Amino acid sequence: MSEFDDLAVSTGQTRPTTDPLGPAIVIEICIDIARHRHGDWNILYALARAERSTDTSVFPVL
């Protein structure tokens, strides 16, 4: 999915319309990778409590 966006940006085109399920799957995969690498609490802090986050490498995931 991110390749679609990268290609569109690099060629000055509009990102193609995709099934909404595609980005949802990619988001789930990225969150799962981040959870595996950094743990649930660090993900929660990065998403909702930045002032408590001590791990600045949580995002971006890839």
N, C-alpha and C. Protein backbone atom coordinates (compact mmCIF):
# COMPACT_ATOMS: atom_id res chain seq x y z
N MET A 1 0.81 -1.18 0.00
CA MET A 1 0.00 0.00 0.00
C MET A 1 0.86 1.26 0.00
N SER A 2 1.89 1.28 0.81
CA SER A 2 2.70 2.49 0.87
C SER A 2 3.43 2.73 -0.45
N GLU A 3 3.68 1.66 -1.21
CA GLU A 3 4.32 1.83 -2.50
C GLU A 3 3.41 2.59 -3.47
N PHE A 4 2.09 2.34 -3.38
CA PHE A 4 1.15 3.10 -4.21
C PHE A 4 1.30 4.59 -3.93
N ASP A 5 1.31 4.93 -2.66
CA ASP A 5 1.42 6.33 -2.27
C ASP A 5 2.77 6.91 -2.69
N ASP A 6 3.85 6.17 -2.45
CA ASP A 6 5.19 6.64 -2.84
C ASP A 6 5.28 6.89 -4.34
N LEU A 7 4.76 5.95 -5.12
CA LEU A 7 4.80 6.10 -6.57
C LEU A 7 3.98 7.31 -7.03
N ALA A 8 2.81 7.48 -6.45
CA ALA A 8 1.96 8.61 -6.81
C ALA A 8 2.66 9.93 -6.50
N VAL A 9 3.23 10.04 -5.31
CA VAL A 9 3.92 11.27 -4.92
C VAL A 9 5.11 11.54 -5.83
N SER A 10 5.90 10.51 -6.10
CA SER A 10 7.11 10.70 -6.89
C SER A 10 6.81 11.06 -8.34
N THR A 11 5.61 10.72 -8.83
CA THR A 11 5.25 11.04 -10.20
C THR A 11 4.26 12.19 -10.30
N GLY A 12 3.92 12.79 -9.16
CA GLY A 12 3.00 13.92 -9.16
C GLY A 12 1.56 13.55 -9.45
N GLN A 13 1.23 12.30 -9.22
CA GLN A 13 -0.13 11.82 -9.48
C GLN A 13 -0.93 11.72 -8.19
N THR A 14 -2.22 11.58 -8.33
CA THR A 14 -3.09 11.34 -7.18
C THR A 14 -2.99 9.87 -6.80
N ARG A 15 -2.97 9.61 -5.49
CA ARG A 15 -2.92 8.22 -5.03
C ARG A 15 -4.16 7.49 -5.53
N PRO A 16 -3.99 6.28 -6.08
CA PRO A 16 -5.15 5.55 -6.60
C PRO A 16 -6.10 5.14 -5.47
N THR A 17 -7.35 5.07 -5.82
CA THR A 17 -8.35 4.61 -4.86
C THR A 17 -8.16 3.11 -4.64
N THR A 18 -8.22 2.70 -3.39
CA THR A 18 -8.07 1.29 -3.06
C THR A 18 -9.21 0.85 -2.16
N ASP A 19 -9.36 -0.42 -2.02
CA ASP A 19 -10.33 -0.96 -1.08
C ASP A 19 -9.93 -0.52 0.32
N PRO A 20 -10.84 0.01 1.13
CA PRO A 20 -10.50 0.45 2.49
C PRO A 20 -9.89 -0.65 3.36
N LEU A 21 -10.13 -1.89 3.01
CA LEU A 21 -9.57 -3.00 3.77
C LEU A 21 -8.05 -3.04 3.65
N GLY A 22 -7.51 -2.62 2.50
CA GLY A 22 -6.06 -2.64 2.29
C GLY A 22 -5.30 -1.83 3.33
N PRO A 23 -5.58 -0.53 3.46
CA PRO A 23 -4.89 0.26 4.48
C PRO A 23 -5.13 -0.27 5.90
N ALA A 24 -6.33 -0.76 6.16
CA ALA A 24 -6.63 -1.30 7.49
C ALA A 24 -5.71 -2.49 7.82
N ILE A 25 -5.47 -3.33 6.83
CA ILE A 25 -4.59 -4.48 7.03
C ILE A 25 -3.16 -4.01 7.28
N VAL A 26 -2.70 -3.04 6.50
CA VAL A 26 -1.34 -2.53 6.66
C VAL A 26 -1.17 -1.87 8.03
N ILE A 27 -2.16 -1.11 8.47
CA ILE A 27 -2.10 -0.49 9.80
C ILE A 27 -1.99 -1.57 10.88
N GLU A 28 -2.79 -2.61 10.76
CA GLU A 28 -2.74 -3.70 11.74
C GLU A 28 -1.36 -4.36 11.77
N ILE A 29 -0.79 -4.59 10.61
CA ILE A 29 0.55 -5.20 10.53
C ILE A 29 1.59 -4.29 11.18
N CYS A 30 1.54 -3.00 10.85
CA CYS A 30 2.52 -2.06 11.42
C CYS A 30 2.40 -1.97 12.93
N ILE A 31 1.18 -1.92 13.44
CA ILE A 31 0.98 -1.88 14.89
C ILE A 31 1.50 -3.17 15.53
N ASP A 32 1.23 -4.31 14.90
CA ASP A 32 1.73 -5.58 15.44
C ASP A 32 3.26 -5.61 15.47
N ILE A 33 3.90 -5.10 14.42
CA ILE A 33 5.37 -5.04 14.41
C ILE A 33 5.86 -4.14 15.55
N ALA A 34 5.25 -2.98 15.69
CA ALA A 34 5.64 -2.06 16.76
C ALA A 34 5.42 -2.68 18.14
N ARG A 35 4.32 -3.38 18.33
CA ARG A 35 4.06 -4.04 19.62
C ARG A 35 5.13 -5.08 19.91
N HIS A 36 5.50 -5.85 18.89
CA HIS A 36 6.53 -6.87 19.07
C HIS A 36 7.88 -6.25 19.42
N ARG A 37 8.23 -5.16 18.75
CA ARG A 37 9.53 -4.52 18.96
C ARG A 37 9.61 -3.72 20.25
N HIS A 38 8.52 -3.07 20.63
CA HIS A 38 8.59 -2.08 21.72
C HIS A 38 7.69 -2.38 22.92
N GLY A 39 6.74 -3.30 22.78
CA GLY A 39 5.84 -3.62 23.89
C GLY A 39 4.59 -2.76 23.87
N ASP A 40 3.54 -3.30 24.47
CA ASP A 40 2.24 -2.65 24.44
C ASP A 40 2.23 -1.28 25.11
N TRP A 41 2.86 -1.17 26.28
CA TRP A 41 2.82 0.11 26.99
C TRP A 41 3.50 1.23 26.21
N ASN A 42 4.63 0.93 25.56
CA ASN A 42 5.29 1.95 24.76
C ASN A 42 4.43 2.38 23.57
N ILE A 43 3.68 1.45 23.01
CA ILE A 43 2.79 1.81 21.90
C ILE A 43 1.66 2.69 22.41
N LEU A 44 1.07 2.32 23.54
CA LEU A 44 0.01 3.15 24.11
C LEU A 44 0.51 4.55 24.43
N TYR A 45 1.68 4.63 25.02
CA TYR A 45 2.24 5.95 25.33
C TYR A 45 2.49 6.75 24.06
N ALA A 46 3.05 6.13 23.04
CA ALA A 46 3.34 6.83 21.79
C ALA A 46 2.06 7.33 21.12
N LEU A 47 0.98 6.56 21.22
CA LEU A 47 -0.28 6.93 20.59
C LEU A 47 -1.11 7.91 21.41
N ALA A 48 -1.09 7.75 22.73
CA ALA A 48 -2.05 8.51 23.54
C ALA A 48 -1.44 9.32 24.68
N ARG A 49 -0.22 9.05 25.06
CA ARG A 49 0.40 9.73 26.20
C ARG A 49 1.85 10.07 25.89
N ALA A 50 2.04 10.89 24.89
CA ALA A 50 3.40 11.21 24.43
C ALA A 50 4.28 11.74 25.56
N GLU A 51 3.70 12.44 26.51
CA GLU A 51 4.50 12.98 27.61
C GLU A 51 5.09 11.88 28.49
N ARG A 52 4.53 10.67 28.44
CA ARG A 52 5.05 9.54 29.22
C ARG A 52 5.97 8.64 28.40
N SER A 53 6.03 8.87 27.11
CA SER A 53 6.81 8.00 26.24
C SER A 53 8.30 8.30 26.37
N THR A 54 9.05 7.26 26.68
CA THR A 54 10.51 7.39 26.76
C THR A 54 11.19 6.76 25.55
N ASP A 55 10.41 6.03 24.74
CA ASP A 55 10.95 5.34 23.58
C ASP A 55 10.58 6.13 22.32
N THR A 56 11.46 6.96 21.83
CA THR A 56 11.17 7.79 20.67
C THR A 56 11.30 7.04 19.36
N SER A 57 11.69 5.77 19.40
CA SER A 57 11.86 5.00 18.17
C SER A 57 10.63 4.16 17.81
N VAL A 58 9.54 4.32 18.56
CA VAL A 58 8.34 3.50 18.30
C VAL A 58 7.80 3.73 16.90
N PHE A 59 7.67 4.98 16.50
CA PHE A 59 7.18 5.32 15.17
C PHE A 59 8.19 6.19 14.47
N PRO A 60 8.39 6.06 13.19
CA PRO A 60 7.73 5.12 12.28
C PRO A 60 8.22 3.69 12.48
N VAL A 61 7.36 2.76 12.14
CA VAL A 61 7.66 1.34 12.34
C VAL A 61 8.62 0.82 11.29
N LEU A 62 8.37 1.16 10.04
CA LEU A 62 9.20 0.64 8.94
C LEU A 62 10.09 1.69 8.39
